[in-house]
């Protein structure tokens, strides 16, 4: 009876697994603050991980690259043989039916760790748009199905759409990190991606956690610029924002269950304080209930396995 009248279902098909790819051979380096998550080289290590993801019924991955070297403008982000480009080509050849989403930002690639070009101590929005456009075209050419700009630059969706269309990549979709807060929940990710700012913080371009109306405005602006999908990040502390955005858009909406949320659950589970599988499935179901059509989560593989055993949430 409970299953029959259940209002929201969670399945592996709702989940997206993030992946961190690095240069080198046979690299499978666990991230200290994110147990069970690894930096992977683009060889058998990545192949085995993606094979596992696909076997679990997870339909998509989100790629983050750790470059061989960094500079002021994040050059490897738009190089033909950059690390993400290598990963896109390899995964596309091995799994033609897997949806490939490419995170598009500068923070992992820049020597200063900020999400754009720095001028006089501040991010130059318009100069950054030029870099993002070049990188978007490069990622699309390498096989990305969806380009996901995450830097919260004003006008980024329209600028990227124009560059993609001009280069003939008219079928690639844009998943905008439309609502991205200046959150303390990103700490473990910055270890994973080596993307901590060398100075200051990201409040110039990321949102104040106290604001909801601003989130609705940001989502509406990106929708008007041509975004195909929208995202709210983080998820757990911002379920009210997911709901607010859901009620004002017909676009597909994603929630990002971020690294700090993952790390807290893993730490508590390792201490025996919570039942990890039940807590994870409950939290992810809450994100769906709030209005997310899909969820980016580091728990994706484990959750897919648990759901398969239980026949769905």
Protein backbone atom coordinates (compact mmCIF):
# COMPACT_ATOMS: atom_id res chain seq x y z
CA UNK A 1 0.00 0.00 0.00
CA UNK A 2 2.83 2.45 0.85
CA UNK A 3 4.50 1.74 -2.46
CA UNK A 4 1.24 2.19 -4.35
CA UNK A 5 0.51 5.65 -2.92
CA UNK A 6 4.09 6.91 -2.78
CA UNK A 7 4.27 10.44 -4.14
CA UNK A 8 7.94 10.58 -5.18
CA UNK A 9 10.19 7.85 -6.52
CA UNK A 10 13.99 7.80 -6.47
CA UNK A 11 15.91 5.63 -8.91
CA UNK A 12 19.39 5.32 -10.39
CA UNK A 13 18.04 7.10 -13.48
CA UNK A 14 17.71 10.28 -11.37
CA UNK A 15 21.39 10.35 -10.38
CA UNK A 16 24.54 11.87 -11.89
CA UNK A 17 28.00 10.78 -10.72
CA UNK A 18 30.78 13.40 -10.59
CA UNK A 19 34.26 12.27 -11.66
CA UNK A 20 37.68 13.85 -11.11
CA UNK A 21 40.18 13.14 -13.88
CA UNK A 22 43.94 13.70 -13.70
CA UNK A 23 47.04 13.25 -15.82
CA UNK A 24 49.23 10.19 -15.33
CA UNK A 25 48.93 6.43 -15.60
CA UNK A 26 47.17 3.97 -13.29
CA UNK A 27 46.20 6.76 -10.89
CA UNK A 28 43.43 5.96 -8.43
CA UNK A 29 44.02 8.44 -5.61
CA UNK A 30 41.41 8.57 -2.86
CA UNK A 31 40.41 12.04 -1.67
CA UNK A 32 41.04 12.25 2.07
CA UNK A 33 37.95 14.26 2.99
CA UNK A 34 35.70 12.26 0.63
CA UNK A 35 36.12 8.55 1.37
CA UNK A 36 35.23 6.44 -1.64
CA UNK A 37 35.82 9.24 -4.16
CA UNK A 38 38.97 9.16 -6.27
CA UNK A 39 41.05 11.17 -8.67
CA UNK A 40 41.38 8.93 -11.73
CA UNK A 41 43.78 8.87 -14.64
CA UNK A 42 42.38 8.61 -18.15
CA UNK A 43 43.19 4.95 -18.71
CA UNK A 44 42.02 1.69 -17.17
CA UNK A 45 41.28 3.46 -13.88
CA UNK A 46 38.67 5.66 -15.54
CA UNK A 47 37.39 2.80 -17.71
CA UNK A 48 36.66 0.62 -14.69
CA UNK A 49 34.90 3.44 -12.86
CA UNK A 50 32.69 4.33 -15.81
CA UNK A 51 31.90 0.67 -16.50
CA UNK A 52 30.69 0.35 -12.92
CA UNK A 53 28.61 3.53 -13.14
CA UNK A 54 26.94 2.36 -16.34
CA UNK A 55 26.26 -1.13 -14.98
CA UNK A 56 24.31 0.43 -12.11
CA UNK A 57 21.95 2.24 -14.46
CA UNK A 58 23.30 5.73 -13.76
CA UNK A 59 22.75 7.64 -17.01
CA UNK A 60 25.22 10.53 -16.72
CA UNK A 61 28.56 11.69 -15.34
CA UNK A 62 29.83 15.18 -14.57
CA UNK A 63 33.52 15.68 -15.34
CA UNK A 64 36.00 17.83 -13.44
CA UNK A 65 39.59 18.09 -14.62
CA UNK A 66 42.81 18.62 -12.65
CA UNK A 67 45.34 20.12 -15.09
CA UNK A 68 49.02 19.33 -15.48
CA UNK A 69 49.85 22.99 -14.90
CA UNK A 70 48.01 26.20 -14.09
CA UNK A 71 48.27 29.77 -15.29
CA UNK A 72 46.44 33.09 -14.94
CA UNK A 73 43.73 32.24 -17.48
CA UNK A 74 43.45 28.46 -17.07
CA UNK A 75 44.76 27.57 -20.52
CA UNK A 76 44.33 23.81 -20.21
CA UNK A 77 40.58 24.36 -19.91
CA UNK A 78 40.43 25.06 -23.65
CA UNK A 79 43.37 23.04 -24.98
CA UNK A 80 42.54 20.31 -27.50
CA UNK A 81 44.40 17.74 -25.41
CA UNK A 82 43.38 19.02 -21.99
CA UNK A 83 42.58 16.47 -19.33
CA UNK A 84 38.79 16.80 -19.61
CA UNK A 85 38.99 16.63 -23.39
CA UNK A 86 40.97 13.39 -23.12
CA UNK A 87 38.41 11.94 -20.71
CA UNK A 88 35.46 12.96 -22.88
CA UNK A 89 36.92 11.26 -25.94
CA UNK A 90 37.79 8.07 -24.08
CA UNK A 91 34.42 7.72 -22.35
CA UNK A 92 32.50 8.57 -25.52
CA UNK A 93 34.28 5.79 -27.43
CA UNK A 94 33.71 3.24 -24.66
CA UNK A 95 30.13 4.20 -23.74
CA UNK A 96 28.38 5.98 -26.63
CA UNK A 97 25.08 6.04 -24.74
CA UNK A 98 26.37 7.66 -21.54
CA UNK A 99 25.39 11.31 -21.08
CA UNK A 100 28.57 13.37 -20.68
CA UNK A 101 28.34 16.62 -18.77
CA UNK A 102 31.38 18.87 -18.65
CA UNK A 103 31.79 21.31 -15.78
CA UNK A 104 32.90 24.62 -17.26
CA UNK A 105 34.79 26.86 -14.88
CA UNK A 106 38.26 28.29 -14.43
CA UNK A 107 38.94 27.64 -10.76
CA UNK A 108 40.61 24.23 -11.19
CA UNK A 109 42.81 25.56 -13.99
CA UNK A 110 43.93 28.99 -12.76
CA UNK A 111 47.01 29.63 -10.65
CA UNK A 112 45.00 31.94 -8.39
CA UNK A 113 42.06 29.53 -7.95
CA UNK A 114 39.33 32.00 -8.86
CA UNK A 115 36.57 31.34 -11.37
CA UNK A 116 37.72 33.88 -13.92
CA UNK A 117 40.33 36.30 -15.20
CA UNK A 118 41.69 38.55 -12.43
CA UNK A 119 42.14 42.29 -12.98
CA UNK A 120 43.26 44.45 -10.05
CA UNK A 121 42.24 41.84 -7.50
CA UNK A 122 38.74 41.26 -8.90
CA UNK A 123 37.26 38.88 -11.45
CA UNK A 124 36.79 40.54 -14.84
CA UNK A 125 33.40 39.20 -15.89
CA UNK A 126 33.59 39.97 -19.61
CA UNK A 127 37.17 38.74 -20.05
CA UNK A 128 36.11 35.52 -18.35
CA UNK A 129 33.24 35.03 -20.80
CA UNK A 130 35.76 34.88 -23.65
CA UNK A 131 37.66 32.08 -21.88
CA UNK A 132 34.46 30.17 -21.12
CA UNK A 133 33.35 30.38 -24.74
CA UNK A 134 36.61 28.90 -26.01
CA UNK A 135 36.51 26.15 -23.39
CA UNK A 136 32.87 25.32 -24.17
CA UNK A 137 33.65 24.83 -27.86
CA UNK A 138 36.66 22.66 -26.98
CA UNK A 139 34.65 20.45 -24.61
CA UNK A 140 31.81 20.09 -27.12
CA UNK A 141 34.25 19.11 -29.87
CA UNK A 142 35.68 16.43 -27.58
CA UNK A 143 32.27 14.84 -27.01
CA UNK A 144 30.41 16.65 -24.23
CA UNK A 145 26.63 16.43 -24.55
CA UNK A 146 25.98 19.10 -21.96
CA UNK A 147 28.12 22.10 -21.04
CA UNK A 148 27.67 23.14 -17.40
CA UNK A 149 29.06 26.63 -16.67
CA UNK A 150 29.58 26.94 -12.92
CA UNK A 151 31.37 30.24 -12.42
CA UNK A 152 28.28 32.44 -11.90
CA UNK A 153 29.47 35.02 -14.42
CA UNK A 154 26.82 37.46 -15.63
CA UNK A 155 25.77 36.67 -19.20
CA UNK A 156 27.59 33.34 -19.29
CA UNK A 157 24.72 31.33 -20.78
CA UNK A 158 24.08 33.69 -23.69
CA UNK A 159 27.79 34.01 -24.41
CA UNK A 160 28.41 30.26 -24.36
CA UNK A 161 25.33 29.57 -26.49
CA UNK A 162 26.54 32.02 -29.10
CA UNK A 163 30.02 30.46 -29.22
CA UNK A 164 28.67 26.91 -29.43
CA UNK A 165 26.25 27.79 -32.21
CA UNK A 166 28.91 29.68 -34.17
CA UNK A 167 31.16 26.61 -34.01
CA UNK A 168 28.38 24.32 -35.21
CA UNK A 169 27.64 22.68 -31.85
CA UNK A 170 23.93 23.45 -32.00
CA UNK A 171 22.84 20.21 -30.31
CA UNK A 172 24.90 20.60 -27.14
CA UNK A 173 22.75 21.67 -24.20
CA UNK A 174 23.64 24.13 -21.45
CA UNK A 175 23.13 23.19 -17.81
CA UNK A 176 23.56 26.43 -15.92
CA UNK A 177 24.75 26.54 -12.34
CA UNK A 178 22.17 29.30 -12.16
CA UNK A 179 21.90 29.33 -8.38
CA UNK A 180 25.25 28.75 -6.72
CA UNK A 181 25.81 29.98 -3.20
CA UNK A 182 29.04 31.08 -1.53
CA UNK A 183 28.86 28.03 0.69
CA UNK A 184 31.06 26.47 3.35
CA UNK A 185 29.91 23.06 2.09
CA UNK A 186 32.42 23.12 -0.79
CA UNK A 187 35.52 22.48 1.34
CA UNK A 188 36.19 18.83 0.40
CA UNK A 189 35.69 19.59 -3.30
CA UNK A 190 38.46 22.16 -3.15
CA UNK A 191 40.78 19.44 -1.89
CA UNK A 192 39.61 17.09 -4.65
CA UNK A 193 40.02 19.63 -7.45
CA UNK A 194 42.89 21.68 -6.01
CA UNK A 195 40.77 24.78 -6.49
CA UNK A 196 40.96 26.76 -3.23
CA UNK A 197 41.38 30.51 -3.94
CA UNK A 198 44.90 31.80 -3.38
CA UNK A 199 43.44 34.99 -1.92
CA UNK A 200 40.07 36.30 -0.84
CA UNK A 201 36.89 34.35 -1.43
CA UNK A 202 34.22 33.95 -4.10
CA UNK A 203 31.53 36.22 -2.71
CA UNK A 204 32.04 38.65 -5.62
CA UNK A 205 30.28 36.20 -7.93
CA UNK A 206 28.62 33.52 -5.75
CA UNK A 207 25.37 34.18 -3.93
CA UNK A 208 24.62 35.15 -0.34
CA UNK A 209 23.21 32.09 1.48
CA UNK A 210 20.56 34.34 3.05
CA UNK A 211 18.86 35.11 -0.29
CA UNK A 212 15.99 33.27 -1.96
CA UNK A 213 14.45 35.91 -4.22
CA UNK A 214 17.86 36.44 -5.79
CA UNK A 215 17.93 32.72 -6.67
CA UNK A 216 14.64 33.01 -8.52
CA UNK A 217 15.95 36.07 -10.39
CA UNK A 218 19.24 34.37 -11.34
CA UNK A 219 17.40 31.31 -12.63
CA UNK A 220 15.02 33.47 -14.67
CA UNK A 221 17.91 35.40 -16.21
CA UNK A 222 19.70 32.22 -17.28
CA UNK A 223 16.48 30.77 -18.67
CA UNK A 224 15.96 33.93 -20.72
CA UNK A 225 19.52 33.63 -22.06
CA UNK A 226 18.82 30.13 -23.38
CA UNK A 227 19.74 27.67 -20.64
CA UNK A 228 18.32 24.19 -21.28
CA UNK A 229 18.58 23.01 -17.67
CA UNK A 230 19.06 24.81 -14.35
CA UNK A 231 20.82 23.87 -11.12
CA UNK A 232 20.68 24.79 -7.44
CA UNK A 233 23.89 24.24 -5.46
CA UNK A 234 24.23 23.16 -2.63
CA UNK A 235 21.16 21.01 -2.00
CA UNK A 236 20.50 19.96 1.60
CA UNK A 237 20.59 23.39 3.24
CA UNK A 238 18.79 24.92 0.24
CA UNK A 239 15.76 22.72 -0.34
CA UNK A 240 13.53 25.77 0.04
CA UNK A 241 15.46 27.34 -2.85
CA UNK A 242 14.99 24.21 -4.97
CA UNK A 243 11.25 24.48 -4.31
CA UNK A 244 11.14 28.22 -5.04
CA UNK A 245 12.93 27.80 -8.37
CA UNK A 246 10.85 24.73 -9.26
CA UNK A 247 7.64 26.70 -8.86
CA UNK A 248 8.80 29.39 -11.29
CA UNK A 249 10.30 27.43 -14.17
CA UNK A 250 9.30 24.63 -16.50
CA UNK A 251 12.93 23.80 -17.32
CA UNK A 252 14.49 20.62 -15.95
CA UNK A 253 15.96 21.41 -12.52
CA UNK A 254 18.95 19.69 -10.90
CA UNK A 255 20.18 19.80 -7.32
CA UNK A 256 23.86 19.32 -6.48
CA UNK A 257 24.40 17.26 -3.33
CA UNK A 258 27.84 18.73 -2.73
CA UNK A 259 31.09 17.47 -1.22
CA UNK A 260 30.56 18.79 2.30
CA UNK A 261 27.17 17.12 2.50
CA UNK A 262 28.73 13.88 1.33
CA UNK A 263 31.64 14.15 3.78
CA UNK A 264 29.38 14.73 6.80
CA UNK A 265 27.33 11.63 6.06
CA UNK A 266 30.42 9.50 5.45
CA UNK A 267 32.08 10.70 8.68
CA UNK A 268 29.00 9.98 10.78
CA UNK A 269 28.53 6.58 9.16
CA UNK A 270 32.16 5.62 9.82
CA UNK A 271 31.58 6.40 13.49
CA UNK A 272 28.50 4.18 13.51
CA UNK A 273 26.24 7.10 14.41
CA UNK A 274 23.87 6.74 11.44
CA UNK A 275 22.68 4.13 8.98
CA UNK A 276 24.40 5.41 5.86
CA UNK A 277 22.18 3.81 3.24
CA UNK A 278 18.94 4.94 4.87
CA UNK A 279 20.19 8.47 5.48
CA UNK A 280 21.47 8.87 1.92
CA UNK A 281 18.30 7.57 0.29
CA UNK A 282 16.17 9.75 2.59
CA UNK A 283 18.22 12.87 1.80
CA UNK A 284 18.16 12.25 -1.95
CA UNK A 285 14.43 11.59 -1.84
CA UNK A 286 14.03 14.92 -0.06
CA UNK A 287 15.76 16.66 -2.96
CA UNK A 288 13.38 15.01 -5.42
CA UNK A 289 10.44 15.95 -3.20
CA UNK A 290 11.60 19.57 -3.15
CA UNK A 291 11.39 19.61 -6.94
CA UNK A 292 14.69 18.38 -8.38
CA UNK A 293 14.32 16.32 -11.55
CA UNK A 294 17.82 14.90 -11.14
CA UNK A 295 20.56 14.98 -8.52
CA UNK A 296 24.30 15.30 -8.87
CA UNK A 297 25.75 13.36 -5.96
CA UNK A 298 28.95 11.61 -4.89
CA UNK A 299 26.66 8.97 -3.38
CA UNK A 300 25.32 8.02 -6.83
CA UNK A 301 27.03 4.63 -7.19
CA UNK A 302 26.26 3.51 -3.66
CA UNK A 303 22.70 4.82 -3.78
CA UNK A 304 22.05 3.08 -7.09
CA UNK A 305 23.20 -0.17 -5.55
CA UNK A 306 21.02 0.25 -2.48
CA UNK A 307 17.98 1.15 -4.57
CA UNK A 308 18.49 -1.89 -6.77
CA UNK A 309 18.45 -4.13 -3.70
CA UNK A 310 15.30 -2.48 -2.39
CA UNK A 311 13.52 -2.28 -5.73
CA UNK A 312 13.51 1.55 -5.66
CA UNK A 313 12.86 4.09 -2.93
